[in-house]
Amino acid sequence: MMIQCQGERGETRCQAAIHIIKSEHRSIAAILQGLLYLTTAFRQGGAEPDYQILRAMLYYLDVFPERLHHPKEDGHLFAKLRQMRVIPEWTRPGT
């Protein structure tokens, strides 16, 4: 089933939205990979991590997904999937 949502340019609005969501997933994954690197190096006897960077990474993971990323998924992607009945109606945000 194809989602119909054509925009002005060659890329549809849906393609643009999915591109943004995927890009944000890659950013979150990069932060998680960085955390893994810092903690693994420290646990294996490496230098202590830069705690300012560590704090910034944790802050990003705490704030960005809930305030900026998940609202996009809930308001655009999941809303469209519910509209198309691909996912159940009861999967509303906050339930």
PDB file of N, CA and C in Angstrom:
ATOM      1  N   MET A   1       0.848  -1.172   0.000  1.00  0.00           N
ATOM      2  CA  MET A   1       0.000   0.000   0.000  1.00  0.00           C
ATOM      3  C   MET A   1       0.895   1.237   0.000  1.00  0.00           C
ATOM      4  N   MET A   2       0.639   2.181  -0.860  1.00  0.00           N
ATOM      5  CA  MET A   2       1.450   3.381  -1.001  1.00  0.00           C
ATOM      6  C   MET A   2       0.772   4.559  -0.331  1.00  0.00           C
ATOM      7  N   ILE A   3       1.521   5.329   0.437  1.00  0.00           N
ATOM      8  CA  ILE A   3       0.991   6.534   1.067  1.00  0.00           C
ATOM      9  C   ILE A   3       1.027   7.649   0.037  1.00  0.00           C
ATOM     10  N   GLN A   4      -0.100   8.295  -0.171  1.00  0.00           N
ATOM     11  CA  GLN A   4      -0.189   9.396  -1.130  1.00  0.00           C
ATOM     12  C   GLN A   4      -0.029  10.723  -0.393  1.00  0.00           C
ATOM     13  N   CYS A   5       1.023  11.441  -0.681  1.00  0.00           N
ATOM     14  CA  CYS A   5       1.238  12.753  -0.060  1.00  0.00           C
ATOM     15  C   CYS A   5       2.294  13.506  -0.856  1.00  0.00           C
ATOM     16  N   GLN A   6       1.959  13.871  -2.053  1.00  0.00           N
ATOM     17  CA  GLN A   6       2.887  14.517  -2.982  1.00  0.00           C
ATOM     18  C   GLN A   6       3.152  15.967  -2.591  1.00  0.00           C
ATOM     19  N   GLY A   7       4.398  16.364  -2.627  1.00  0.00           N
ATOM     20  CA  GLY A   7       4.788  17.744  -2.363  1.00  0.00           C
ATOM     21  C   GLY A   7       5.080  18.486  -3.656  1.00  0.00           C
ATOM     22  N   GLU A   8       5.626  19.705  -3.521  1.00  0.00           N
ATOM     23  CA  GLU A   8       5.891  20.524  -4.717  1.00  0.00           C
ATOM     24  C   GLU A   8       7.063  19.997  -5.538  1.00  0.00           C
ATOM     25  N   ARG A   9       8.154  19.684  -4.866  1.00  0.00           N
ATOM     26  CA  ARG A   9       9.356  19.257  -5.577  1.00  0.00           C
ATOM     27  C   ARG A   9       9.282  17.779  -5.916  1.00  0.00           C
ATOM     28  N   GLY A  10      10.356  17.227  -6.436  1.00  0.00           N
ATOM     29  CA  GLY A  10      10.386  15.832  -6.842  1.00  0.00           C
ATOM     30  C   GLY A  10      10.137  14.869  -5.688  1.00  0.00           C
ATOM     31  N   GLU A  11      10.582  15.243  -4.499  1.00  0.00           N
ATOM     32  CA  GLU A  11      10.417  14.391  -3.333  1.00  0.00           C
ATOM     33  C   GLU A  11       9.038  14.635  -2.729  1.00  0.00           C
ATOM     34  N   THR A  12       8.353  13.579  -2.372  1.00  0.00           N
ATOM     35  CA  THR A  12       7.053  13.766  -1.730  1.00  0.00           C
ATOM     36  C   THR A  12       7.265  14.239  -0.298  1.00  0.00           C
ATOM     37  N   ARG A  13       6.219  14.807   0.284  1.00  0.00           N
ATOM     38  CA  ARG A  13       6.295  15.237   1.681  1.00  0.00           C
ATOM     39  C   ARG A  13       6.568  14.043   2.577  1.00  0.00           C
ATOM     40  N   CYS A  14       5.978  12.896   2.251  1.00  0.00           N
ATOM     41  CA  CYS A  14       6.210  11.690   3.055  1.00  0.00           C
ATOM     42  C   CYS A  14       7.664  11.256   2.971  1.00  0.00           C
ATOM     43  N   GLN A  15       8.228  11.289   1.779  1.00  0.00           N
ATOM     44  CA  GLN A  15       9.630  10.915   1.626  1.00  0.00           C
ATOM     45  C   GLN A  15      10.521  11.866   2.425  1.00  0.00           C
ATOM     46  N   ALA A  16      10.195  13.157   2.379  1.00  0.00           N
ATOM     47  CA  ALA A  16      10.976  14.134   3.130  1.00  0.00           C
ATOM     48  C   ALA A  16      10.854  13.877   4.628  1.00  0.00           C
ATOM     49  N   ALA A  17       9.641  13.602   5.107  1.00  0.00           N
ATOM     50  CA  ALA A  17       9.426  13.331   6.529  1.00  0.00           C
ATOM     51  C   ALA A  17      10.179  12.072   6.956  1.00  0.00           C
ATOM     52  N   ILE A  18      10.116  11.030   6.161  1.00  0.00           N
ATOM     53  CA  ILE A  18      10.813   9.793   6.480  1.00  0.00           C
ATOM     54  C   ILE A  18      12.322  10.013   6.463  1.00  0.00           C
ATOM     55  N   HIS A  19      12.798  10.814   5.526  1.00  0.00           N
ATOM     56  CA  HIS A  19      14.227  11.141   5.467  1.00  0.00           C
ATOM     57  C   HIS A  19      14.665  11.832   6.764  1.00  0.00           C
ATOM     58  N   ILE A  20      13.866  12.775   7.246  1.00  0.00           N
ATOM     59  CA  ILE A  20      14.192  13.491   8.486  1.00  0.00           C
ATOM     60  C   ILE A  20      14.201  12.526   9.667  1.00  0.00           C
ATOM     61  N   ILE A  21      13.181  11.684   9.772  1.00  0.00           N
ATOM     62  CA  ILE A  21      13.094  10.730  10.881  1.00  0.00           C
ATOM     63  C   ILE A  21      14.281   9.763  10.851  1.00  0.00           C
ATOM     64  N   LYS A  22      14.631   9.264   9.672  1.00  0.00           N
ATOM     65  CA  LYS A  22      15.790   8.363   9.560  1.00  0.00           C
ATOM     66  C   LYS A  22      17.084   9.078   9.947  1.00  0.00           C
ATOM     67  N   SER A  23      17.221  10.317   9.526  1.00  0.00           N
ATOM     68  CA  SER A  23      18.404  11.099   9.857  1.00  0.00           C
ATOM     69  C   SER A  23      18.516  11.283  11.371  1.00  0.00           C
ATOM     70  N   GLU A  24      17.379  11.544  12.013  1.00  0.00           N
ATOM     71  CA  GLU A  24      17.380  11.693  13.469  1.00  0.00           C
ATOM     72  C   GLU A  24      17.715  10.365  14.143  1.00  0.00           C
ATOM     73  N   HIS A  25      17.258   9.254  13.591  1.00  0.00           N
ATOM     74  CA  HIS A  25      17.620   7.943  14.138  1.00  0.00           C
ATOM     75  C   HIS A  25      19.127   7.734  14.044  1.00  0.00           C
ATOM     76  N   ARG A  26      19.720   8.147  12.925  1.00  0.00           N
ATOM     77  CA  ARG A  26      21.178   8.012  12.775  1.00  0.00           C
ATOM     78  C   ARG A  26      21.908   8.885  13.804  1.00  0.00           C
ATOM     79  N   SER A  27      21.393  10.077  14.078  1.00  0.00           N
ATOM     80  CA  SER A  27      22.010  10.956  15.085  1.00  0.00           C
ATOM     81  C   SER A  27      21.946  10.333  16.469  1.00  0.00           C
ATOM     82  N   ILE A  28      20.796   9.775  16.812  1.00  0.00           N
ATOM     83  CA  ILE A  28      20.646   9.117  18.110  1.00  0.00           C
ATOM     84  C   ILE A  28      21.594   7.919  18.192  1.00  0.00           C
ATOM     85  N   ALA A  29      21.681   7.147  17.124  1.00  0.00           N
ATOM     86  CA  ALA A  29      22.578   5.990  17.095  1.00  0.00           C
ATOM     87  C   ALA A  29      24.033   6.418  17.250  1.00  0.00           C
ATOM     88  N   ALA A  30      24.396   7.540  16.659  1.00  0.00           N
ATOM     89  CA  ALA A  30      25.775   8.029  16.773  1.00  0.00           C
ATOM     90  C   ALA A  30      26.099   8.398  18.217  1.00  0.00           C
ATOM     91  N   ILE A  31      25.171   9.019  18.900  1.00  0.00           N
ATOM     92  CA  ILE A  31      25.383   9.363  20.308  1.00  0.00           C
ATOM     93  C   ILE A  31      25.509   8.084  21.141  1.00  0.00           C
ATOM     94  N   LEU A  32      24.640   7.120  20.894  1.00  0.00           N
ATOM     95  CA  LEU A  32      24.720   5.848  21.623  1.00  0.00           C
ATOM     96  C   LEU A  32      26.050   5.143  21.366  1.00  0.00           C
ATOM     97  N   GLN A  33      26.513   5.176  20.121  1.00  0.00           N
ATOM     98  CA  GLN A  33      27.807   4.565  19.783  1.00  0.00           C
ATOM     99  C   GLN A  33      28.935   5.285  20.500  1.00  0.00           C
ATOM    100  N   GLY A  34      28.849   6.607  20.570  1.00  0.00           N
ATOM    101  CA  GLY A  34      29.853   7.385  21.302  1.00  0.00           C
ATOM    102  C   GLY A  34      29.870   7.048  22.782  1.00  0.00           C
ATOM    103  N   LEU A  35      28.691   6.897  23.377  1.00  0.00           N
ATOM    104  CA  LEU A  35      28.606   6.508  24.787  1.00  0.00           C
ATOM    105  C   LEU A  35      29.225   5.133  25.010  1.00  0.00           C
ATOM    106  N   LEU A  36      28.920   4.219  24.116  1.00  0.00           N
ATOM    107  CA  LEU A  36      29.486   2.874  24.214  1.00  0.00           C
ATOM    108  C   LEU A  36      31.011   2.934  24.137  1.00  0.00           C
ATOM    109  N   TYR A  37      31.533   3.718  23.221  1.00  0.00           N
ATOM    110  CA  TYR A  37      32.977   3.859  23.061  1.00  0.00           C
ATOM    111  C   TYR A  37      33.617   4.423  24.334  1.00  0.00           C
ATOM    112  N   LEU A  38      33.038   5.523  24.857  1.00  0.00           N
ATOM    113  CA  LEU A  38      33.604   6.160  26.047  1.00  0.00           C
ATOM    114  C   LEU A  38      33.578   5.231  27.251  1.00  0.00           C
ATOM    115  N   THR A  39      32.464   4.563  27.476  1.00  0.00           N
ATOM    116  CA  THR A  39      32.349   3.701  28.646  1.00  0.00           C
ATOM    117  C   THR A  39      33.191   2.427  28.504  1.00  0.00           C
ATOM    118  N   THR A  40      33.257   1.876  27.315  1.00  0.00           N
ATOM    119  CA  THR A  40      34.079   0.679  27.108  1.00  0.00           C
ATOM    120  C   THR A  40      35.551   1.007  27.310  1.00  0.00           C
ATOM    121  N   ALA A  41      36.002   2.117  26.756  1.00  0.00           N
ATOM    122  CA  ALA A  41      37.407   2.512  26.911  1.00  0.00           C
ATOM    123  C   ALA A  41      37.744   2.718  28.389  1.00  0.00           C
ATOM    124  N   PHE A  42      36.853   3.373  29.125  1.00  0.00           N
ATOM    125  CA  PHE A  42      37.096   3.618  30.543  1.00  0.00           C
ATOM    126  C   PHE A  42      37.125   2.305  31.328  1.00  0.00           C
ATOM    127  N   ARG A  43      36.183   1.406  31.044  1.00  0.00           N
ATOM    128  CA  ARG A  43      36.111   0.123  31.762  1.00  0.00           C
ATOM    129  C   ARG A  43      37.326  -0.753  31.470  1.00  0.00           C
ATOM    130  N   GLN A  44      37.937  -0.551  30.319  1.00  0.00           N
ATOM    131  CA  GLN A  44      39.110  -1.361  29.958  1.00  0.00           C
ATOM    132  C   GLN A  44      40.414  -0.696  30.394  1.00  0.00           C
ATOM    133  N   GLY A  45      40.309   0.269  31.307  1.00  0.00           N
ATOM    134  CA  GLY A  45      41.510   0.883  31.866  1.00  0.00           C
ATOM    135  C   GLY A  45      41.997   2.109  31.133  1.00  0.00           C
ATOM    136  N   GLY A  46      41.197   2.630  30.243  1.00  0.00           N
ATOM    137  CA  GLY A  46      41.576   3.837  29.513  1.00  0.00           C
ATOM    138  C   GLY A  46      41.395   5.079  30.371  1.00  0.00           C
ATOM    139  N   ALA A  47      41.645   6.198  29.779  1.00  0.00           N
ATOM    140  CA  ALA A  47      41.516   7.474  30.481  1.00  0.00           C
ATOM    141  C   ALA A  47      40.055   7.725  30.862  1.00  0.00           C
ATOM    142  N   GLU A  48      39.881   8.516  31.897  1.00  0.00           N
ATOM    143  CA  GLU A  48      38.520   8.894  32.284  1.00  0.00           C
ATOM    144  C   GLU A  48      37.884   9.680  31.145  1.00  0.00           C
ATOM    145  N   PRO A  49      36.587   9.487  30.952  1.00  0.00           N
ATOM    146  CA  PRO A  49      35.923  10.244  29.882  1.00  0.00           C
ATOM    147  C   PRO A  49      35.815  11.717  30.242  1.00  0.00           C
ATOM    148  N   ASP A  50      35.676  12.533  29.245  1.00  0.00           N
ATOM    149  CA  ASP A  50      35.413  13.957  29.448  1.00  0.00           C
ATOM    150  C   ASP A  50      33.968  14.057  29.939  1.00  0.00           C
ATOM    151  N   TYR A  51      33.806  14.406  31.202  1.00  0.00           N
ATOM    152  CA  TYR A  51      32.470  14.381  31.795  1.00  0.00           C
ATOM    153  C   TYR A  51      31.530  15.439  31.229  1.00  0.00           C
ATOM    154  N   GLN A  52      32.073  16.530  30.722  1.00  0.00           N
ATOM    155  CA  GLN A  52      31.210  17.523  30.062  1.00  0.00           C
ATOM    156  C   GLN A  52      30.606  16.932  28.791  1.00  0.00           C
ATOM    157  N   ILE A  53      31.412  16.215  28.037  1.00  0.00           N
ATOM    158  CA  ILE A  53      30.911  15.579  26.810  1.00  0.00           C
ATOM    159  C   ILE A  53      29.918  14.478  27.172  1.00  0.00           C
ATOM    160  N   LEU A  54      30.247  13.679  28.166  1.00  0.00           N
ATOM    161  CA  LEU A  54      29.358  12.614  28.614  1.00  0.00           C
ATOM    162  C   LEU A  54      28.020  13.188  29.072  1.00  0.00           C
ATOM    163  N   ARG A  55      28.066  14.263  29.842  1.00  0.00           N
ATOM    164  CA  ARG A  55      26.836  14.922  30.308  1.00  0.00           C
ATOM    165  C   ARG A  55      26.026  15.447  29.122  1.00  0.00           C
ATOM    166  N   ALA A  56      26.689  16.034  28.145  1.00  0.00           N
ATOM    167  CA  ALA A  56      25.988  16.561  26.966  1.00  0.00           C
ATOM    168  C   ALA A  56      25.334  15.435  26.167  1.00  0.00           C
ATOM    169  N   MET A  57      26.026  14.318  26.061  1.00  0.00           N
ATOM    170  CA  MET A  57      25.465  13.171  25.333  1.00  0.00           C
ATOM    171  C   MET A  57      24.220  12.636  26.047  1.00  0.00           C
ATOM    172  N   LEU A  58      24.296  12.510  27.364  1.00  0.00           N
ATOM    173  CA  LEU A  58      23.149  12.028  28.131  1.00  0.00           C
ATOM    174  C   LEU A  58      21.989  13.017  28.076  1.00  0.00           C
ATOM    175  N   TYR A  59      22.310  14.308  28.126  1.00  0.00           N
ATOM    176  CA  TYR A  59      21.264  15.332  28.019  1.00  0.00           C
ATOM    177  C   TYR A  59      20.559  15.221  26.663  1.00  0.00           C
ATOM    178  N   TYR A  60      21.331  15.068  25.608  1.00  0.00           N
ATOM    179  CA  TYR A  60      20.760  14.928  24.265  1.00  0.00           C
ATOM    180  C   TYR A  60      19.801  13.741  24.211  1.00  0.00           C
ATOM    181  N   LEU A  61      20.241  12.597  24.752  1.00  0.00           N
ATOM    182  CA  LEU A  61      19.402  11.399  24.723  1.00  0.00           C
ATOM    183  C   LEU A  61      18.157  11.549  25.591  1.00  0.00           C
ATOM    184  N   ASP A  62      18.241  12.355  26.625  1.00  0.00           N
ATOM    185  CA  ASP A  62      17.093  12.579  27.496  1.00  0.00           C
ATOM    186  C   ASP A  62      16.098  13.556  26.876  1.00  0.00           C
ATOM    187  N   VAL A  63      16.590  14.601  26.250  1.00  0.00           N
ATOM    188  CA  VAL A  63      15.728  15.689  25.789  1.00  0.00           C
ATOM    189  C   VAL A  63      15.290  15.552  24.337  1.00  0.00           C
ATOM    190  N   PHE A  64      16.218  15.300  23.438  1.00  0.00           N
ATOM    191  CA  PHE A  64      15.899  15.339  22.010  1.00  0.00           C
ATOM    192  C   PHE A  64      14.785  14.381  21.599  1.00  0.00           C
ATOM    193  N   PRO A  65      14.873  13.095  21.937  1.00  0.00           N
ATOM    194  CA  PRO A  65      13.816  12.190  21.462  1.00  0.00           C
ATOM    195  C   PRO A  65      12.416  12.590  21.939  1.00  0.00           C
ATOM    196  N   GLU A  66      12.277  12.896  23.225  1.00  0.00           N
ATOM    197  CA  GLU A  66      10.940  13.190  23.762  1.00  0.00           C
ATOM    198  C   GLU A  66      10.378  14.515  23.278  1.00  0.00           C
ATOM    199  N   ARG A  67      11.201  15.535  23.201  1.00  0.00           N
ATOM    200  CA  ARG A  67      10.701  16.870  22.849  1.00  0.00           C
ATOM    201  C   ARG A  67      10.624  17.117  21.348  1.00  0.00           C
ATOM    202  N   LEU A  68      11.548  16.558  20.592  1.00  0.00           N
ATOM    203  CA  LEU A  68      11.624  16.913  19.177  1.00  0.00           C
ATOM    204  C   LEU A  68      11.388  15.752  18.219  1.00  0.00           C
ATOM    205  N   HIS A  69      11.869  14.570  18.542  1.00  0.00           N
ATOM    206  CA  HIS A  69      11.797  13.455  17.607  1.00  0.00           C
ATOM    207  C   HIS A  69      10.468  12.696  17.692  1.00  0.00           C
ATOM    208  N   HIS A  70      10.102  12.249  18.877  1.00  0.00           N
ATOM    209  CA  HIS A  70       8.875  11.458  19.010  1.00  0.00           C
ATOM    210  C   HIS A  70       7.615  12.212  18.592  1.00  0.00           C
ATOM    211  N   PRO A  71       7.506  13.522  18.848  1.00  0.00           N
ATOM    212  CA  PRO A  71       6.327  14.231  18.327  1.00  0.00           C
ATOM    213  C   PRO A  71       6.200  14.162  16.804  1.00  0.00           C
ATOM    214  N   LYS A  72       7.327  14.153  16.098  1.00  0.00           N
ATOM    215  CA  LYS A  72       7.274  14.011  14.633  1.00  0.00           C
ATOM    216  C   LYS A  72       6.749  12.635  14.253  1.00  0.00           C
ATOM    217  N   GLU A  73       7.265  11.607  14.915  1.00  0.00           N
ATOM    218  CA  GLU A  73       6.786  10.256  14.620  1.00  0.00           C
ATOM    219  C   GLU A  73       5.305  10.127  14.949  1.00  0.00           C
ATOM    220  N   ASP A  74       4.920  10.607  16.131  1.00  0.00           N
ATOM    221  CA  ASP A  74       3.531  10.481  16.566  1.00  0.00           C
ATOM    222  C   ASP A  74       2.582  11.297  15.687  1.00  0.00           C
ATOM    223  N   GLY A  75       2.964  12.523  15.372  1.00  0.00           N
ATOM    224  CA  GLY A  75       2.074  13.416  14.637  1.00  0.00           C
ATOM    225  C   GLY A  75       2.029  13.183  13.143  1.00  0.00           C
ATOM    226  N   HIS A  76       3.056  12.594  12.589  1.00  0.00           N
ATOM    227  CA  HIS A  76       3.107  12.413  11.139  1.00  0.00           C
ATOM    228  C   HIS A  76       3.099  10.943  10.738  1.00  0.00           C
ATOM    229  N   LEU A  77       4.137  10.231  11.127  1.00  0.00           N
ATOM    230  CA  LEU A  77       4.290   8.841  10.689  1.00  0.00           C
ATOM    231  C   LEU A  77       3.200   7.942  11.271  1.00  0.00           C
ATOM    232  N   PHE A  78       3.093   7.899  12.596  1.00  0.00           N
ATOM    233  CA  PHE A  78       2.139   6.984  13.211  1.00  0.00           C
ATOM    234  C   PHE A  78       0.700   7.415  12.952  1.00  0.00           C
ATOM    235  N   ALA A  79       0.455   8.725  12.885  1.00  0.00           N
ATOM    236  CA  ALA A  79      -0.893   9.203  12.570  1.00  0.00           C
ATOM    237  C   ALA A  79      -1.319   8.726  11.184  1.00  0.00           C
ATOM    238  N   LYS A  80      -0.404   8.799  10.228  1.00  0.00           N
ATOM    239  CA  LYS A  80      -0.710   8.342   8.866  1.00  0.00           C
ATOM    240  C   LYS A  80      -0.920   6.827   8.841  1.00  0.00           C
ATOM    241  N   LEU A  81      -0.101   6.093   9.577  1.00  0.00           N
ATOM    242  CA  LEU A  81      -0.261   4.637   9.624  1.00  0.00           C
ATOM    243  C   LEU A  81      -1.585   4.246  10.280  1.00  0.00           C
ATOM    244  N   ARG A  82      -1.993   4.992  11.314  1.00  0.00           N
ATOM    245  CA  ARG A  82      -3.305   4.728  11.923  1.00  0.00           C
ATOM    246  C   ARG A  82      -4.419   5.041  10.935  1.00  0.00           C
ATOM    247  N   GLN A  83      -4.282   6.149  10.220  1.00  0.00           N
ATOM    248  CA  GLN A  83      -5.284   6.545   9.227  1.00  0.00           C
ATOM    249  C   GLN A  83      -5.434   5.469   8.156  1.00  0.00           C
ATOM    250  N   MET A  84      -4.319   4.860   7.780  1.00  0.00           N
ATOM    251  CA  MET A  84      -4.341   3.813   6.760  1.00  0.00           C
ATOM    252  C   MET A  84      -4.714   2.454   7.363  1.00  0.00           C
ATOM    253  N   ARG A  85      -4.905   2.422   8.671  1.00  0.00           N
ATOM    254  CA  ARG A  85      -5.237   1.199   9.412  1.00  0.00           C
ATOM    255  C   ARG A  85      -4.121   0.155   9.352  1.00  0.00           C
ATOM    256  N   VAL A  86      -2.892   0.624   9.216  1.00  0.00           N
ATOM    257  CA  VAL A  86      -1.737  -0.261   9.240  1.00  0.00           C
ATOM    258  C   VAL A  86      -1.415  -0.632  10.691  1.00  0.00           C
ATOM    259  N   ILE A  87      -1.633   0.318  11.595  1.00  0.00           N
ATOM    260  CA  ILE A  87      -1.478   0.047  13.020  1.00  0.00           C
ATOM    261  C   ILE A  87      -2.810   0.368  13.695  1.00  0.00           C
ATOM    262  N   PRO A  88      -3.115  -0.279  14.823  1.00  0.00           N
ATOM    263  CA  PRO A  88      -4.416  -0.077  15.468  1.00  0.00           C
ATOM    264  C   PRO A  88      -4.623   1.360  15.954  1.00  0.00           C
ATOM    265  N   GLU A  89      -5.869   1.773  15.973  1.00  0.00           N
ATOM    266  CA  GLU A  89      -6.241   3.108  16.422  1.00  0.00           C
ATOM    267  C   GLU A  89      -5.827   3.357  17.873  1.00  0.00           C
ATOM    268  N   TRP A  90      -5.854   2.318  18.724  1.00  0.00           N
ATOM    269  CA  TRP A  90      -5.552   2.480  20.128  1.00  0.00           C
ATOM    270  C   TRP A  90      -4.080   2.764  20.397  1.00  0.00           C
ATOM    271  N   THR A  91      -3.218   2.742  19.364  1.00  0.00           N
ATOM    272  CA  THR A  91      -1.800   3.036  19.569  1.00  0.00           C
ATOM    273  C   THR A  91      -1.544   4.535  19.525  1.00  0.00           C
ATOM    274  N   ARG A  92      -2.373   5.278  20.162  1.00  0.00           N
ATOM    275  CA  ARG A  92      -2.224   6.726  20.227  1.00  0.00           C
ATOM    276  C   ARG A  92      -1.070   7.083  21.165  1.00  0.00           C
ATOM    277  N   PRO A  93      -0.447   8.238  20.939  1.00  0.00           N
ATOM    278  CA  PRO A  93       0.633   8.671  21.835  1.00  0.00           C
ATOM    279  C   PRO A  93       0.135   8.735  23.273  1.00  0.00           C
ATOM    280  N   GLY A  94       0.976   8.288  24.177  1.00  0.00           N
ATOM    281  CA  GLY A  94       0.654   8.361  25.595  1.00  0.00           C
ATOM    282  C   GLY A  94      -0.172   7.207  26.105  1.00  0.00           C
ATOM    283  N   THR A  95      -0.468   6.216  25.251  1.00  0.00           N
ATOM    284  CA  THR A  95      -1.268   5.085  25.735  1.00  0.00           C
ATOM    285  C   THR A  95      -0.423   3.837  25.811  1.00  0.00           C
TER     286      THR A  95
END
